[in-house]
Structures are given as structure tokens and as C-alpha cells.
Amino acid sequence: MSALHIMDHPLILHKLSIMRQKDTGSKDFRELLKEIAMLMAYEVTRDLPVEEVEVETPICKTKQKMLAGRKLGVVPILRAGLGMVDGVMSLIPAAKIGHIGLYRDPETLEPVEYYCKLPVDAEERELIIVDPMLATGGSSSAAIGFLKKRGCTHIRLMCLIAAPEGVKRVQEDHPDVDIYVAQMDDHLNEHGYIVPGLGDAGDRLFGTK
């Protein structure tokens, strides 16, 4: 079973509480999402491997640690996931960016891929899928599946808030993918929205309805 990491840093909780407020406008919502994504990226990358290298300071040569192993990639699920990319990239500027676009088939209710563009060496990278909401888990699970079909095996999922139903779905479908969330909410309502949630993240991010 994959690990679920719930981040309880005071700054994350404070900023998320402001985002939840219904009178928070798109400008502030975007800025807060970017800031939280950066803080979360710090935790998501905590266990990246390092190696000892020799560097020369103005004083002397010394052995210090630098990142080793796989390079990183960030893959937002369109469209709301775009709001998290800049925050992650501000911390990991050398990462490559891919994009996955999904829509729900009105008859089968299953996610359908309409766009996927990945770095040419995506299968060699540690990929972080980003999406603000982990509700039913259908889109996230499908996105992970699409990456796996393209040969990607090192994948992490980073979401702002999650419902237990979504976490359960992803863990059952992809027990090898760790999940990182800022906060776990209570449940899904009859319309599939997270409760208490923050509404539709894409609409609030871009000022649409």
C-alpha cells in the first residue's frame, strides 16, 4: 500500500484556510496556491537521494552533498493543476514539465485522455503529478495510469486537499504511488465535491464558472 503524507505545517494550514473562504478572489487564490505548492514541494522532495561531492569554497576544498539519482519532472492535470506548477518550479527550477488533459465521458463517467505531452526522457525521471483536488480519485488514478503506459515508473501524487474516497481509489489502483496532501477533508457530497472543500479549484483559479 502506498504511503499517505498529510502536511500540517502552520504556514500551509494558514494559507489553505484563506483559500477556502468563499470571498477570496482569483488573484489571491492563485497566489496562495502557488505558495502552498512551493511549501509542499519542500516536503515531497525530502527523501531525494544525495551524493557527496568535492567543492571548493573561498577558504578550502570540502566534501558536501548534492542531489543524485533521477532528475525530476512536474506533470499538472489540466486545468487546475497549472496553478501549482510555478510554486514547485520555484523550488526545483531544473525540473521538466509535462501536461495531462482529461475529461469525464458523460455516458461511462470514466476519465478520457485528450492531451498528453511529456518530457522526452519522462520514463527516466521522478515525476510529481500535481492537482489541487483529490475527490473521487478517478482523474488522478487515470493520469497515473496514462504515465505508466508510457513507461514511467517513479511517480508521486501531490494534491492540495483530499477526500477519503479519492485516497482509497488511488491507493487501490496504484499501491506503488505515494500521495502527498496538505489536508484531508471529511467526505464527498452527492455532487462529488469535497466537504468542506473550497469549491471548484479550476473556476476559482481562473475566474470562470
Protein backbone atom coordinates (compact mmCIF):
# COMPACT_ATOMS: atom_id res chain seq x y z
CA MET A 1 0.00 0.00 0.00
CA SER A 2 1.28 3.45 -0.88
CA ALA A 3 2.03 5.97 1.85
CA LEU A 4 -0.24 8.93 2.56
CA HIS A 5 1.60 12.05 3.75
CA ILE A 6 -0.55 14.77 5.32
CA MET A 7 1.32 18.04 5.82
CA ASP A 8 0.45 20.03 8.92
CA HIS A 9 2.91 22.90 8.65
CA PRO A 10 1.35 26.03 10.19
CA LEU A 11 2.01 28.15 7.09
CA ILE A 12 0.30 25.62 4.85
CA LEU A 13 -2.73 25.37 7.14
CA HIS A 14 -3.00 29.16 7.44
CA LYS A 15 -2.82 29.78 3.70
CA LEU A 16 -5.24 26.95 2.94
CA SER A 17 -7.77 28.39 5.39
CA ILE A 18 -7.71 31.68 3.46
CA MET A 19 -8.14 29.82 0.17
CA ARG A 20 -11.22 28.04 1.50
CA GLN A 21 -13.06 31.30 2.21
CA LYS A 22 -15.71 31.90 -0.44
CA ASP A 23 -14.89 35.62 -0.70
CA THR A 24 -11.21 35.00 -1.57
CA GLY A 25 -10.80 36.30 -5.16
CA SER A 26 -8.97 34.68 -8.05
CA LYS A 27 -5.81 36.78 -7.65
CA ASP A 28 -5.32 35.82 -4.00
CA PHE A 29 -6.41 32.25 -4.69
CA ARG A 30 -3.72 31.88 -7.40
CA GLU A 31 -1.00 33.38 -5.23
CA LEU A 32 -1.89 31.21 -2.24
CA LEU A 33 -2.00 28.05 -4.35
CA LYS A 34 1.44 28.84 -5.73
CA GLU A 35 2.82 29.48 -2.23
CA ILE A 36 1.35 26.28 -0.79
CA ALA A 37 2.64 24.25 -3.74
CA MET A 38 6.14 25.54 -3.05
CA LEU A 39 5.89 24.62 0.64
CA MET A 40 4.53 21.18 -0.24
CA ALA A 41 7.28 20.58 -2.79
CA TYR A 42 9.80 21.03 0.02
CA GLU A 43 8.24 18.05 1.81
CA VAL A 44 7.59 15.95 -1.30
CA THR A 45 11.30 16.08 -2.16
CA ARG A 46 12.54 15.44 1.39
CA ASP A 47 13.72 11.88 0.62
CA LEU A 48 15.50 12.56 -2.66
CA PRO A 49 18.90 10.83 -2.75
CA VAL A 50 22.08 12.85 -2.38
CA GLU A 51 25.73 12.13 -3.01
CA GLU A 52 28.92 13.55 -1.59
CA VAL A 53 30.92 15.77 -3.94
CA GLU A 54 34.00 17.92 -3.61
CA VAL A 55 33.53 21.68 -3.83
CA GLU A 56 35.97 24.50 -3.30
CA THR A 57 34.91 27.36 -1.08
CA PRO A 58 36.86 30.65 -0.89
CA ILE A 59 38.61 29.05 2.10
CA CYS A 60 39.33 25.43 1.15
CA LYS A 61 38.14 22.26 -0.57
CA THR A 62 35.42 20.33 1.22
CA LYS A 63 33.07 17.38 0.80
CA GLN A 64 29.40 18.41 0.58
CA LYS A 65 26.12 16.86 -0.54
CA MET A 66 24.24 17.45 -3.79
CA LEU A 67 21.26 15.79 -5.44
CA ALA A 68 21.91 12.42 -7.03
CA GLY A 69 19.82 9.91 -8.91
CA ARG A 70 16.86 10.62 -11.13
CA LYS A 71 16.02 14.06 -12.47
CA LEU A 72 12.61 15.50 -11.66
CA GLY A 73 9.51 16.25 -13.69
CA VAL A 74 6.28 18.05 -12.83
CA VAL A 75 3.04 16.95 -14.51
CA PRO A 76 -0.08 19.06 -13.84
CA ILE A 77 -3.52 17.65 -14.59
CA LEU A 78 -5.26 20.29 -16.70
CA ARG A 79 -6.52 22.71 -15.93
CA ALA A 80 -6.42 23.33 -12.17
CA GLY A 81 -3.05 21.63 -11.79
CA LEU A 82 -1.48 24.51 -13.71
CA GLY A 83 -1.88 26.67 -10.62
CA MET A 84 0.62 24.53 -8.72
CA VAL A 85 3.39 24.39 -11.31
CA ASP A 86 5.08 27.75 -10.65
CA GLY A 87 5.29 27.06 -6.93
CA VAL A 88 7.02 23.72 -7.48
CA MET A 89 9.29 25.13 -10.19
CA SER A 90 10.40 28.00 -7.98
CA LEU A 91 11.92 25.36 -5.72
CA ILE A 92 13.07 22.95 -8.46
CA PRO A 93 13.82 25.18 -11.49
CA ALA A 94 15.68 22.45 -13.39
CA ALA A 95 12.65 20.12 -13.48
CA LYS A 96 10.92 19.47 -16.80
CA ILE A 97 7.17 19.99 -17.21
CA GLY A 98 4.63 17.69 -18.82
CA HIS A 99 0.85 18.11 -19.15
CA ILE A 100 -2.08 15.72 -18.97
CA GLY A 101 -5.60 16.72 -20.05
CA LEU A 102 -8.62 14.64 -19.01
CA TYR A 103 -12.38 14.90 -19.33
CA ARG A 104 -15.16 12.69 -17.99
CA ASP A 105 -17.16 10.74 -20.55
CA PRO A 106 -20.83 11.72 -19.97
CA GLU A 107 -22.05 8.16 -20.58
CA THR A 108 -19.44 5.96 -18.92
CA LEU A 109 -18.35 8.64 -16.39
CA GLU A 110 -14.79 7.39 -16.87
CA PRO A 111 -11.84 9.78 -17.42
CA VAL A 112 -10.74 10.12 -21.05
CA GLU A 113 -7.33 11.47 -22.06
CA TYR A 114 -7.49 14.29 -24.60
CA TYR A 115 -3.94 15.61 -24.25
CA CYS A 116 -0.63 14.27 -23.01
CA LYS A 117 2.74 15.90 -23.63
CA LEU A 118 5.69 14.71 -21.56
CA PRO A 119 9.43 15.37 -21.47
CA VAL A 120 11.22 13.12 -23.95
CA ASP A 121 13.01 11.37 -21.08
CA ALA A 122 9.96 11.20 -18.80
CA GLU A 123 10.41 7.49 -18.08
CA GLU A 124 13.83 8.26 -16.60
CA ARG A 125 12.54 10.96 -14.27
CA GLU A 126 10.93 11.10 -10.85
CA LEU A 127 7.53 12.57 -11.78
CA ILE A 128 5.32 14.62 -9.48
CA ILE A 129 1.69 14.78 -10.63
CA VAL A 130 0.01 17.92 -9.28
CA ASP A 131 -3.73 18.63 -8.96
CA PRO A 132 -5.38 20.71 -6.21
CA MET A 133 -8.28 18.32 -5.56
CA LEU A 134 -8.27 14.57 -4.91
CA ALA A 135 -12.03 13.97 -4.82
CA THR A 136 -13.26 10.69 -6.30
CA GLY A 137 -9.72 9.83 -7.35
CA GLY A 138 -10.80 9.00 -10.89
CA SER A 139 -8.77 11.66 -12.67
CA SER A 140 -5.65 11.18 -10.56
CA SER A 141 -5.78 7.40 -10.93
CA ALA A 142 -6.26 7.73 -14.68
CA ALA A 143 -3.39 10.21 -15.01
CA ILE A 144 -1.08 7.85 -13.15
CA GLY A 145 -2.20 5.03 -15.42
CA PHE A 146 -1.50 7.10 -18.54
CA LEU A 147 2.04 7.81 -17.31
CA LYS A 148 2.65 4.14 -16.56
CA LYS A 149 1.52 3.17 -20.05
CA ARG A 150 4.27 5.45 -21.36
CA GLY A 151 6.92 3.65 -19.33
CA CYS A 152 7.04 5.95 -16.29
CA THR A 153 7.53 4.04 -13.04
CA HIS A 154 8.66 6.64 -10.49
CA ILE A 155 5.57 8.71 -9.73
CA ARG A 156 4.31 10.78 -6.80
CA LEU A 157 0.93 12.47 -6.45
CA MET A 158 0.67 15.91 -4.82
CA CYS A 159 -2.74 17.44 -4.07
CA LEU A 160 -3.94 20.37 -2.01
CA ILE A 161 -6.89 18.69 -0.30
CA ALA A 162 -8.28 15.16 -0.48
CA ALA A 163 -11.37 13.17 0.41
CA PRO A 164 -11.00 9.67 1.89
CA GLU A 165 -12.77 8.24 -1.15
CA GLY A 166 -10.13 9.62 -3.51
CA VAL A 167 -7.22 8.44 -1.41
CA LYS A 168 -8.74 4.96 -1.23
CA ARG A 169 -9.22 4.82 -5.01
CA VAL A 170 -5.65 5.84 -5.82
CA GLN A 171 -4.13 3.54 -3.20
CA GLU A 172 -6.14 0.59 -4.51
CA ASP A 173 -5.35 1.30 -8.16
CA HIS A 174 -1.71 2.32 -7.66
CA PRO A 175 -0.25 0.94 -4.42
CA ASP A 176 3.22 1.97 -5.59
CA VAL A 177 2.45 5.72 -5.78
CA ASP A 178 2.81 7.81 -2.62
CA ILE A 179 0.24 10.56 -2.03
CA TYR A 180 1.03 13.97 -0.52
CA VAL A 181 -1.80 16.26 0.60
CA ALA A 182 -1.98 19.49 2.57
CA GLN A 183 -5.16 18.45 4.37
CA MET A 184 -7.60 15.53 4.47
CA ASP A 185 -11.22 16.62 4.38
CA ASP A 186 -14.30 14.78 5.58
CA HIS A 187 -16.18 13.29 2.63
CA LEU A 188 -17.72 13.84 -0.82
CA ASN A 189 -21.22 15.25 -1.20
CA GLU A 190 -23.84 13.92 -3.63
CA HIS A 191 -22.32 16.02 -6.43
CA GLY A 192 -18.80 14.66 -5.91
CA TYR A 193 -17.46 17.83 -4.27
CA ILE A 194 -15.10 17.62 -1.31
CA VAL A 195 -16.65 18.69 2.02
CA PRO A 196 -15.81 21.18 3.47
CA GLY A 197 -13.53 21.70 0.46
CA LEU A 198 -13.09 25.02 -1.32
CA GLY A 199 -15.40 24.72 -4.31
CA ASP A 200 -14.22 24.18 -7.87
CA ALA A 201 -10.49 24.88 -7.82
CA GLY A 202 -10.29 25.50 -11.58
CA ASP A 203 -13.10 28.03 -11.59
CA ARG A 204 -11.74 29.86 -8.56
CA LEU A 205 -8.24 29.83 -10.02
CA PHE A 206 -9.19 31.26 -13.40
CA GLY A 207 -12.31 33.24 -12.53
CA THR A 208 -14.68 31.08 -14.57
CA LYS A 209 -17.99 29.34 -13.86
